[in-house]
Amino acid sequence: MSHSKEAGPYIITNSRDVFVMGHSEYDKYTLDKEYKRDINKGDKISIPQNYYINDDPSEEPTVKWKKHSELLFRNWIKNYLIQ
Protein backbone atom coordinates (compact mmCIF):
# COMPACT_ATOMS: atom_id res chain seq x y z
CA MET A 1 0.00 0.00 0.00
CA SER A 2 2.86 2.38 0.83
CA HIS A 3 6.61 1.90 0.34
CA SER A 4 9.79 3.62 -0.77
CA LYS A 5 12.99 2.50 -2.45
CA GLU A 6 15.04 3.73 0.51
CA ALA A 7 13.02 2.38 3.44
CA GLY A 8 11.00 -0.47 1.97
CA PRO A 9 7.40 -1.17 3.00
CA TYR A 10 5.66 1.29 5.32
CA ILE A 11 1.99 0.26 5.21
CA ILE A 12 0.93 -3.29 4.37
CA THR A 13 -2.67 -4.45 4.20
CA ASN A 14 -4.64 -7.58 3.62
CA SER A 15 -8.40 -8.07 3.50
CA ARG A 16 -8.67 -7.63 7.26
CA ASP A 17 -5.59 -5.94 8.74
CA VAL A 18 -3.43 -2.85 8.30
CA PHE A 19 0.22 -2.95 9.41
CA VAL A 20 2.24 0.26 9.82
CA MET A 21 5.98 -0.50 9.83
CA GLY A 22 7.48 2.91 10.54
CA HIS A 23 7.53 5.01 13.68
CA SER A 24 5.47 7.99 12.63
CA GLU A 25 4.51 8.49 16.29
CA TYR A 26 8.09 9.61 17.06
CA ASP A 27 8.49 13.19 18.16
CA LYS A 28 11.25 15.45 16.86
CA TYR A 29 14.03 14.13 19.13
CA THR A 30 13.23 10.42 19.56
CA LEU A 31 15.26 9.25 16.56
CA ASP A 32 18.05 11.68 17.50
CA LYS A 33 18.29 10.15 20.99
CA GLU A 34 18.26 6.60 19.60
CA TYR A 35 20.87 7.39 16.95
CA LYS A 36 23.24 9.08 19.42
CA ARG A 37 22.73 6.30 22.00
CA ASP A 38 23.67 3.66 19.43
CA ILE A 39 26.68 5.64 18.16
CA ASN A 40 27.90 6.07 21.75
CA LYS A 41 27.62 2.29 22.24
CA GLY A 42 29.93 1.86 19.25
CA ASP A 43 27.28 0.52 16.88
CA LYS A 44 28.13 0.99 13.20
CA ILE A 45 24.91 2.57 11.96
CA SER A 46 24.09 5.02 9.20
CA ILE A 47 22.98 8.59 9.77
CA PRO A 48 19.18 8.76 9.42
CA GLN A 49 18.52 10.08 5.91
CA ASN A 50 16.78 13.44 5.55
CA TYR A 51 16.49 13.83 9.33
CA TYR A 52 19.25 16.27 10.25
CA ILE A 53 19.82 19.50 8.39
CA ASN A 54 22.38 18.65 5.66
CA ASP A 55 22.48 15.09 7.06
CA ASP A 56 24.75 16.42 9.83
CA PRO A 57 24.03 14.92 13.30
CA SER A 58 25.43 18.04 14.99
CA GLU A 59 22.59 20.01 13.39
CA GLU A 60 18.99 20.24 14.55
CA PRO A 61 16.68 17.38 13.50
CA THR A 62 13.87 18.27 11.12
CA VAL A 63 10.34 16.94 11.36
CA LYS A 64 8.78 16.31 7.96
CA TRP A 65 6.44 13.49 8.92
CA LYS A 66 4.27 14.97 11.68
CA LYS A 67 1.36 16.20 9.55
CA HIS A 68 1.31 12.98 7.52
CA SER A 69 1.40 10.95 10.73
CA GLU A 70 -1.51 12.88 12.20
CA LEU A 71 -3.51 12.43 9.00
CA LEU A 72 -2.78 8.69 8.86
CA PHE A 73 -3.92 8.09 12.44
CA ARG A 74 -6.92 10.43 12.16
CA ASN A 75 -8.11 8.58 9.05
CA TRP A 76 -7.42 5.20 10.67
CA ILE A 77 -9.53 6.12 13.70
CA LYS A 78 -12.29 7.55 11.52
CA ASN A 79 -12.44 4.61 9.11
CA TYR A 80 -11.74 1.64 11.35
CA LEU A 81 -12.73 2.53 14.89
CA ILE A 82 -15.67 4.90 14.57
CA GLN A 83 -17.58 3.03 11.86
PDB file of N, CA and C in Angstrom:
ATOM      1  N   MET A   1       0.819  -1.193   0.000  1.00  0.00           N
ATOM      2  CA  MET A   1       0.000   0.000   0.000  1.00  0.00           C
ATOM      3  C   MET A   1       0.867   1.263   0.000  1.00  0.00           C
ATOM      4  N   SER A   2       1.951   1.244   0.801  1.00  0.00           N
ATOM      5  CA  SER A   2       2.862   2.384   0.831  1.00  0.00           C
ATOM      6  C   SER A   2       4.279   1.862   1.048  1.00  0.00           C
ATOM      7  N   HIS A   3       5.217   2.329   0.213  1.00  0.00           N
ATOM      8  CA  HIS A   3       6.611   1.904   0.344  1.00  0.00           C
ATOM      9  C   HIS A   3       7.515   2.911  -0.362  1.00  0.00           C
ATOM     10  N   SER A   4       8.804   2.794  -0.071  1.00  0.00           N
ATOM     11  CA  SER A   4       9.786   3.617  -0.770  1.00  0.00           C
ATOM     12  C   SER A   4      10.997   2.762  -1.095  1.00  0.00           C
ATOM     13  N   LYS A   5      11.764   3.204  -2.076  1.00  0.00           N
ATOM     14  CA  LYS A   5      12.989   2.505  -2.447  1.00  0.00           C
ATOM     15  C   LYS A   5      13.983   2.487  -1.284  1.00  0.00           C
ATOM     16  N   GLU A   6      14.062   3.593  -0.562  1.00  0.00           N
ATOM     17  CA  GLU A   6      15.043   3.729   0.512  1.00  0.00           C
ATOM     18  C   GLU A   6      14.679   2.930   1.761  1.00  0.00           C
ATOM     19  N   ALA A   7      13.415   2.957   2.151  1.00  0.00           N
ATOM     20  CA  ALA A   7      13.016   2.376   3.442  1.00  0.00           C
ATOM     21  C   ALA A   7      12.244   1.071   3.320  1.00  0.00           C
ATOM     22  N   GLY A   8      11.787   0.746   2.135  1.00  0.00           N
ATOM     23  CA  GLY A   8      10.998  -0.472   1.971  1.00  0.00           C
ATOM     24  C   GLY A   8       9.537  -0.240   2.322  1.00  0.00           C
ATOM     25  N   PRO A   9       8.830  -1.304   2.726  1.00  0.00           N
ATOM     26  CA  PRO A   9       7.396  -1.168   3.001  1.00  0.00           C
ATOM     27  C   PRO A   9       7.129  -0.321   4.244  1.00  0.00           C
ATOM     28  N   TYR A  10       6.080   0.479   4.180  1.00  0.00           N
ATOM     29  CA  TYR A  10       5.658   1.294   5.318  1.00  0.00           C
ATOM     30  C   TYR A  10       4.273   0.868   5.797  1.00  0.00           C
ATOM     31  N   ILE A  11       3.342   0.717   4.866  1.00  0.00           N
ATOM     32  CA  ILE A  11       1.994   0.257   5.209  1.00  0.00           C
ATOM     33  C   ILE A  11       1.691  -0.971   4.365  1.00  0.00           C
ATOM     34  N   ILE A  12       1.297  -2.039   5.040  1.00  0.00           N
ATOM     35  CA  ILE A  12       0.933  -3.292   4.374  1.00  0.00           C
ATOM     36  C   ILE A  12      -0.482  -3.644   4.808  1.00  0.00           C
ATOM     37  N   THR A  13      -1.295  -4.074   3.867  1.00  0.00           N
ATOM     38  CA  THR A  13      -2.669  -4.446   4.202  1.00  0.00           C
ATOM     39  C   THR A  13      -3.004  -5.812   3.626  1.00  0.00           C
ATOM     40  N   ASN A  14      -3.991  -6.423   4.225  1.00  0.00           N
ATOM     41  CA  ASN A  14      -4.639  -7.575   3.615  1.00  0.00           C
ATOM     42  C   ASN A  14      -6.137  -7.324   3.721  1.00  0.00           C
ATOM     43  N   SER A  15      -6.951  -8.311   3.513  1.00  0.00           N
ATOM     44  CA  SER A  15      -8.397  -8.075   3.501  1.00  0.00           C
ATOM     45  C   SER A  15      -8.941  -7.685   4.873  1.00  0.00           C
ATOM     46  N   ARG A  16      -8.162  -7.880   5.912  1.00  0.00           N
ATOM     47  CA  ARG A  16      -8.668  -7.629   7.258  1.00  0.00           C
ATOM     48  C   ARG A  16      -7.808  -6.687   8.100  1.00  0.00           C
ATOM     49  N   ASP A  17      -6.517  -6.644   7.851  1.00  0.00           N
ATOM     50  CA  ASP A  17      -5.595  -5.942   8.736  1.00  0.00           C
ATOM     51  C   ASP A  17      -4.804  -4.865   8.007  1.00  0.00           C
ATOM     52  N   VAL A  18      -4.330  -3.896   8.787  1.00  0.00           N
ATOM     53  CA  VAL A  18      -3.432  -2.852   8.299  1.00  0.00           C
ATOM     54  C   VAL A  18      -2.217  -2.849   9.227  1.00  0.00           C
ATOM     55  N   PHE A  19      -1.019  -2.948   8.640  1.00  0.00           N
ATOM     56  CA  PHE A  19       0.217  -2.955   9.415  1.00  0.00           C
ATOM     57  C   PHE A  19       1.043  -1.726   9.037  1.00  0.00           C
ATOM     58  N   VAL A  20       1.409  -0.923  10.029  1.00  0.00           N
ATOM     59  CA  VAL A  20       2.245   0.256   9.819  1.00  0.00           C
ATOM     60  C   VAL A  20       3.628  -0.074  10.358  1.00  0.00           C
ATOM     61  N   MET A  21       4.634  -0.049   9.479  1.00  0.00           N
ATOM     62  CA  MET A  21       5.978  -0.501   9.832  1.00  0.00           C
ATOM     63  C   MET A  21       6.869   0.595  10.400  1.00  0.00           C
ATOM     64  N   GLY A  22       6.604   1.828  10.090  1.00  0.00           N
ATOM     65  CA  GLY A  22       7.478   2.905  10.544  1.00  0.00           C
ATOM     66  C   GLY A  22       7.133   3.369  11.949  1.00  0.00           C
ATOM     67  N   HIS A  23       7.784   4.418  12.369  1.00  0.00           N
ATOM     68  CA  HIS A  23       7.533   5.008  13.685  1.00  0.00           C
ATOM     69  C   HIS A  23       7.068   6.446  13.505  1.00  0.00           C
ATOM     70  N   SER A  24       5.948   6.627  12.863  1.00  0.00           N
ATOM     71  CA  SER A  24       5.468   7.988  12.635  1.00  0.00           C
ATOM     72  C   SER A  24       4.984   8.654  13.917  1.00  0.00           C
ATOM     73  N   GLU A  25       4.899   7.891  15.004  1.00  0.00           N
ATOM     74  CA  GLU A  25       4.514   8.486  16.289  1.00  0.00           C
ATOM     75  C   GLU A  25       5.698   9.186  16.970  1.00  0.00           C
ATOM     76  N   TYR A  26       6.901   8.999  16.449  1.00  0.00           N
ATOM     77  CA  TYR A  26       8.088   9.606  17.063  1.00  0.00           C
ATOM     78  C   TYR A  26       7.972  11.123  17.061  1.00  0.00           C
ATOM     79  N   ASP A  27       8.423  11.736  18.153  1.00  0.00           N
ATOM     80  CA  ASP A  27       8.494  13.188  18.160  1.00  0.00           C
ATOM     81  C   ASP A  27       9.827  13.625  17.533  1.00  0.00           C
ATOM     82  N   LYS A  28      10.092  14.890  17.560  1.00  0.00           N
ATOM     83  CA  LYS A  28      11.252  15.450  16.862  1.00  0.00           C
ATOM     84  C   LYS A  28      12.581  14.848  17.314  1.00  0.00           C
ATOM     85  N   TYR A  29      12.722  14.534  18.596  1.00  0.00           N
ATOM     86  CA  TYR A  29      14.025  14.134  19.128  1.00  0.00           C
ATOM     87  C   TYR A  29      14.173  12.641  19.408  1.00  0.00           C
ATOM     88  N   THR A  30      13.140  11.841  19.228  1.00  0.00           N
ATOM     89  CA  THR A  30      13.232  10.417  19.561  1.00  0.00           C
ATOM     90  C   THR A  30      14.302   9.718  18.731  1.00  0.00           C
ATOM     91  N   LEU A  31      14.269   9.886  17.426  1.00  0.00           N
ATOM     92  CA  LEU A  31      15.261   9.248  16.561  1.00  0.00           C
ATOM     93  C   LEU A  31      16.664   9.784  16.849  1.00  0.00           C
ATOM     94  N   ASP A  32      16.765  11.068  17.143  1.00  0.00           N
ATOM     95  CA  ASP A  32      18.047  11.680  17.501  1.00  0.00           C
ATOM     96  C   ASP A  32      18.630  11.004  18.739  1.00  0.00           C
ATOM     97  N   LYS A  33      17.830  10.808  19.763  1.00  0.00           N
ATOM     98  CA  LYS A  33      18.294  10.148  20.990  1.00  0.00           C
ATOM     99  C   LYS A  33      18.715   8.709  20.708  1.00  0.00           C
ATOM    100  N   GLU A  34      17.924   7.993  19.923  1.00  0.00           N
ATOM    101  CA  GLU A  34      18.257   6.601  19.604  1.00  0.00           C
ATOM    102  C   GLU A  34      19.542   6.514  18.777  1.00  0.00           C
ATOM    103  N   TYR A  35      19.674   7.381  17.796  1.00  0.00           N
ATOM    104  CA  TYR A  35      20.870   7.386  16.955  1.00  0.00           C
ATOM    105  C   TYR A  35      22.117   7.665  17.798  1.00  0.00           C
ATOM    106  N   LYS A  36      22.077   8.714  18.608  1.00  0.00           N
ATOM    107  CA  LYS A  36      23.244   9.079  19.423  1.00  0.00           C
ATOM    108  C   LYS A  36      23.537   8.025  20.485  1.00  0.00           C
ATOM    109  N   ARG A  37      22.520   7.401  21.044  1.00  0.00           N
ATOM    110  CA  ARG A  37      22.729   6.303  21.995  1.00  0.00           C
ATOM    111  C   ARG A  37      23.491   5.164  21.329  1.00  0.00           C
ATOM    112  N   ASP A  38      23.042   4.778  20.135  1.00  0.00           N
ATOM    113  CA  ASP A  38      23.673   3.656  19.432  1.00  0.00           C
ATOM    114  C   ASP A  38      25.096   3.990  18.986  1.00  0.00           C
ATOM    115  N   ILE A  39      25.325   5.213  18.535  1.00  0.00           N
ATOM    116  CA  ILE A  39      26.679   5.645  18.158  1.00  0.00           C
ATOM    117  C   ILE A  39      27.591   5.598  19.383  1.00  0.00           C
ATOM    118  N   ASN A  40      27.096   6.071  20.523  1.00  0.00           N
ATOM    119  CA  ASN A  40      27.905   6.068  21.750  1.00  0.00           C
ATOM    120  C   ASN A  40      28.208   4.662  22.242  1.00  0.00           C
ATOM    121  N   LYS A  41      27.361   3.695  21.893  1.00  0.00           N
ATOM    122  CA  LYS A  41      27.623   2.293  22.242  1.00  0.00           C
ATOM    123  C   LYS A  41      28.646   1.674  21.300  1.00  0.00           C
ATOM    124  N   GLY A  42      28.968   2.378  20.217  1.00  0.00           N
ATOM    125  CA  GLY A  42      29.927   1.860  19.254  1.00  0.00           C
ATOM    126  C   GLY A  42      29.293   1.123  18.090  1.00  0.00           C
ATOM    127  N   ASP A  43      27.965   1.174  18.000  1.00  0.00           N
ATOM    128  CA  ASP A  43      27.285   0.519  16.878  1.00  0.00           C
ATOM    129  C   ASP A  43      27.639   1.224  15.572  1.00  0.00           C
ATOM    130  N   LYS A  44      27.828   0.450  14.534  1.00  0.00           N
ATOM    131  CA  LYS A  44      28.131   0.988  13.203  1.00  0.00           C
ATOM    132  C   LYS A  44      26.806   1.158  12.456  1.00  0.00           C
ATOM    133  N   ILE A  45      26.199   2.319  12.604  1.00  0.00           N
ATOM    134  CA  ILE A  45      24.909   2.571  11.962  1.00  0.00           C
ATOM    135  C   ILE A  45      25.012   3.804  11.078  1.00  0.00           C
ATOM    136  N   SER A  46      24.121   3.890  10.125  1.00  0.00           N
ATOM    137  CA  SER A  46      24.093   5.022   9.197  1.00  0.00           C
ATOM    138  C   SER A  46      23.356   6.201   9.818  1.00  0.00           C
ATOM    139  N   ILE A  47      23.709   7.382   9.367  1.00  0.00           N
ATOM    140  CA  ILE A  47      22.982   8.587   9.766  1.00  0.00           C
ATOM    141  C   ILE A  47      21.574   8.492   9.180  1.00  0.00           C
ATOM    142  N   PRO A  48      20.543   8.779   9.968  1.00  0.00           N
ATOM    143  CA  PRO A  48      19.183   8.763   9.418  1.00  0.00           C
ATOM    144  C   PRO A  48      19.071   9.744   8.244  1.00  0.00           C
ATOM    145  N   GLN A  49      18.616   9.250   7.117  1.00  0.00           N
ATOM    146  CA  GLN A  49      18.521  10.079   5.911  1.00  0.00           C
ATOM    147  C   GLN A  49      17.428  11.129   6.052  1.00  0.00           C
ATOM    148  N   ASN A  50      17.743  12.338   5.603  1.00  0.00           N
ATOM    149  CA  ASN A  50      16.781  13.442   5.552  1.00  0.00           C
ATOM    150  C   ASN A  50      16.208  13.797   6.920  1.00  0.00           C
ATOM    151  N   TYR A  51      16.971  13.553   7.970  1.00  0.00           N
ATOM    152  CA  TYR A  51      16.491  13.833   9.327  1.00  0.00           C
ATOM    153  C   TYR A  51      17.185  15.057   9.915  1.00  0.00           C
ATOM    154  N   TYR A  52      18.498  15.110   9.786  1.00  0.00           N
ATOM    155  CA  TYR A  52      19.250  16.270  10.254  1.00  0.00           C
ATOM    156  C   TYR A  52      19.437  17.238   9.090  1.00  0.00           C
ATOM    157  N   ILE A  53      19.527  18.505   9.414  1.00  0.00           N
ATOM    158  CA  ILE A  53      19.821  19.503   8.388  1.00  0.00           C
ATOM    159  C   ILE A  53      21.160  19.130   7.752  1.00  0.00           C
ATOM    160  N   ASN A  54      21.194  19.041   6.433  1.00  0.00           N
ATOM    161  CA  ASN A  54      22.384  18.653   5.658  1.00  0.00           C
ATOM    162  C   ASN A  54      22.930  17.280   6.055  1.00  0.00           C
ATOM    163  N   ASP A  55      22.077  16.423   6.595  1.00  0.00           N
ATOM    164  CA  ASP A  55      22.481  15.085   7.062  1.00  0.00           C
ATOM    165  C   ASP A  55      23.657  15.151   8.034  1.00  0.00           C
ATOM    166  N   ASP A  56      23.681  16.194   8.855  1.00  0.00           N
ATOM    167  CA  ASP A  56      24.753  16.416   9.827  1.00  0.00           C
ATOM    168  C   ASP A  56      24.188  16.242  11.240  1.00  0.00           C
ATOM    169  N   PRO A  57      24.585  15.180  11.963  1.00  0.00           N
ATOM    170  CA  PRO A  57      24.034  14.918  13.297  1.00  0.00           C
ATOM    171  C   PRO A  57      24.302  16.009  14.339  1.00  0.00           C
ATOM    172  N   SER A  58      25.225  16.925  14.052  1.00  0.00           N
ATOM    173  CA  SER A  58      25.432  18.036  14.988  1.00  0.00           C
ATOM    174  C   SER A  58      24.397  19.141  14.776  1.00  0.00           C
ATOM    175  N   GLU A  59      23.647  19.037  13.686  1.00  0.00           N
ATOM    176  CA  GLU A  59      22.590  20.009  13.386  1.00  0.00           C
ATOM    177  C   GLU A  59      21.268  19.581  14.027  1.00  0.00           C
ATOM    178  N   GLU A  60      20.328  20.485  14.004  1.00  0.00           N
ATOM    179  CA  GLU A  60      18.988  20.239  14.553  1.00  0.00           C
ATOM    180  C   GLU A  60      18.229  19.232  13.678  1.00  0.00           C
ATOM    181  N   PRO A  61      17.527  18.274  14.296  1.00  0.00           N
ATOM    182  CA  PRO A  61      16.675  17.380  13.499  1.00  0.00           C
ATOM    183  C   PRO A  61      15.519  18.168  12.874  1.00  0.00           C
ATOM    184  N   THR A  62      15.049  17.680  11.757  1.00  0.00           N
ATOM    185  CA  THR A  62      13.872  18.265  11.123  1.00  0.00           C
ATOM    186  C   THR A  62      12.719  17.276  11.240  1.00  0.00           C
ATOM    187  N   VAL A  63      11.521  17.798  11.268  1.00  0.00           N
ATOM    188  CA  VAL A  63      10.337  16.937  11.357  1.00  0.00           C
ATOM    189  C   VAL A  63       9.508  17.174  10.102  1.00  0.00           C
ATOM    190  N   LYS A  64       9.524  16.189   9.211  1.00  0.00           N
ATOM    191  CA  LYS A  64       8.781  16.313   7.960  1.00  0.00           C
ATOM    192  C   LYS A  64       7.589  15.371   7.929  1.00  0.00           C
ATOM    193  N   TRP A  65       7.458  14.540   8.947  1.00  0.00           N
ATOM    194  CA  TRP A  65       6.441  13.492   8.919  1.00  0.00           C
ATOM    195  C   TRP A  65       5.248  13.766   9.821  1.00  0.00           C
ATOM    196  N   LYS A  66       5.296  14.780  10.658  1.00  0.00           N
ATOM    197  CA  LYS A  66       4.268  14.972  11.684  1.00  0.00           C
ATOM    198  C   LYS A  66       2.867  15.124  11.098  1.00  0.00           C
ATOM    199  N   LYS A  67       2.695  15.989  10.132  1.00  0.00           N
ATOM    200  CA  LYS A  67       1.357  16.204   9.547  1.00  0.00           C
ATOM    201  C   LYS A  67       0.848  14.934   8.868  1.00  0.00           C
ATOM    202  N   HIS A  68       1.727  14.226   8.169  1.00  0.00           N
ATOM    203  CA  HIS A  68       1.315  12.975   7.523  1.00  0.00           C
ATOM    204  C   HIS A  68       0.946  11.927   8.562  1.00  0.00           C
ATOM    205  N   SER A  69       1.689  11.890   9.647  1.00  0.00           N
ATOM    206  CA  SER A  69       1.397  10.949  10.728  1.00  0.00           C
ATOM    207  C   SER A  69       0.034  11.238  11.344  1.00  0.00           C
ATOM    208  N   GLU A  70      -0.222  12.501  11.618  1.00  0.00           N
ATOM    209  CA  GLU A  70      -1.515  12.881  12.198  1.00  0.00           C
ATOM    210  C   GLU A  70      -2.657  12.521  11.261  1.00  0.00           C
ATOM    211  N   LEU A  71      -2.478  12.760   9.976  1.00  0.00           N
ATOM    212  CA  LEU A  71      -3.508  12.426   8.997  1.00  0.00           C
ATOM    213  C   LEU A  71      -3.736  10.920   8.920  1.00  0.00           C
ATOM    214  N   LEU A  72      -2.666  10.145   8.903  1.00  0.00           N
ATOM    215  CA  LEU A  72      -2.779   8.690   8.863  1.00  0.00           C
ATOM    216  C   LEU A  72      -3.583   8.178  10.049  1.00  0.00           C
ATOM    217  N   PHE A  73      -3.234   8.595  11.252  1.00  0.00           N
ATOM    218  CA  PHE A  73      -3.923   8.093  12.436  1.00  0.00           C
ATOM    219  C   PHE A  73      -5.342   8.638  12.553  1.00  0.00           C
ATOM    220  N   ARG A  74      -5.563   9.879  12.151  1.00  0.00           N
ATOM    221  CA  ARG A  74      -6.924  10.434  12.157  1.00  0.00           C
ATOM    222  C   ARG A  74      -7.816   9.640  11.207  1.00  0.00           C
ATOM    223  N   ASN A  75      -7.323   9.360  10.018  1.00  0.00           N
ATOM    224  CA  ASN A  75      -8.107   8.580   9.054  1.00  0.00           C
ATOM    225  C   ASN A  75      -8.309   7.149   9.521  1.00  0.00           C
ATOM    226  N   TRP A  76      -7.297   6.566  10.147  1.00  0.00           N
ATOM    227  CA  TRP A  76      -7.418   5.202  10.665  1.00  0.00           C
ATOM    228  C   TRP A  76      -8.514   5.140  11.728  1.00  0.00           C
ATOM    229  N   ILE A  77      -8.501   6.090  12.662  1.00  0.00           N
ATOM    230  CA  ILE A  77      -9.530   6.117  13.703  1.00  0.00           C
ATOM    231  C   ILE A  77     -10.904   6.317  13.080  1.00  0.00           C
ATOM    232  N   LYS A  78     -11.006   7.248  12.163  1.00  0.00           N
ATOM    233  CA  LYS A  78     -12.291   7.547  11.519  1.00  0.00           C
ATOM    234  C   LYS A  78     -12.825   6.340  10.748  1.00  0.00           C
ATOM    235  N   ASN A  79     -11.984   5.679   9.994  1.00  0.00           N
ATOM    236  CA  ASN A  79     -12.445   4.609   9.110  1.00  0.00           C
ATOM    237  C   ASN A  79     -12.549   3.243   9.762  1.00  0.00           C
ATOM    238  N   TYR A  80     -11.756   2.990  10.782  1.00  0.00           N
ATOM    239  CA  TYR A  80     -11.744   1.641  11.351  1.00  0.00           C
ATOM    240  C   TYR A  80     -12.325   1.551  12.752  1.00  0.00           C
ATOM    241  N   LEU A  81     -12.251   2.609  13.517  1.00  0.00           N
ATOM    242  CA  LEU A  81     -12.727   2.532  14.892  1.00  0.00           C
ATOM    243  C   LEU A  81     -14.104   3.149  15.089  1.00  0.00           C
ATOM    244  N   ILE A  82     -14.394   4.213  14.378  1.00  0.00           N
ATOM    245  CA  ILE A  82     -15.669   4.903  14.570  1.00  0.00           C
ATOM    246  C   ILE A  82     -16.798   4.228  13.804  1.00  0.00           C
ATOM    247  N   GLN A  83     -16.519   3.642  12.675  1.00  0.00           N
ATOM    248  CA  GLN A  83     -17.579   3.028  11.859  1.00  0.00           C
ATOM    249  C   GLN A  83     -18.211   1.848  12.533  1.00  0.00           C
TER     250      GLN A  83
END
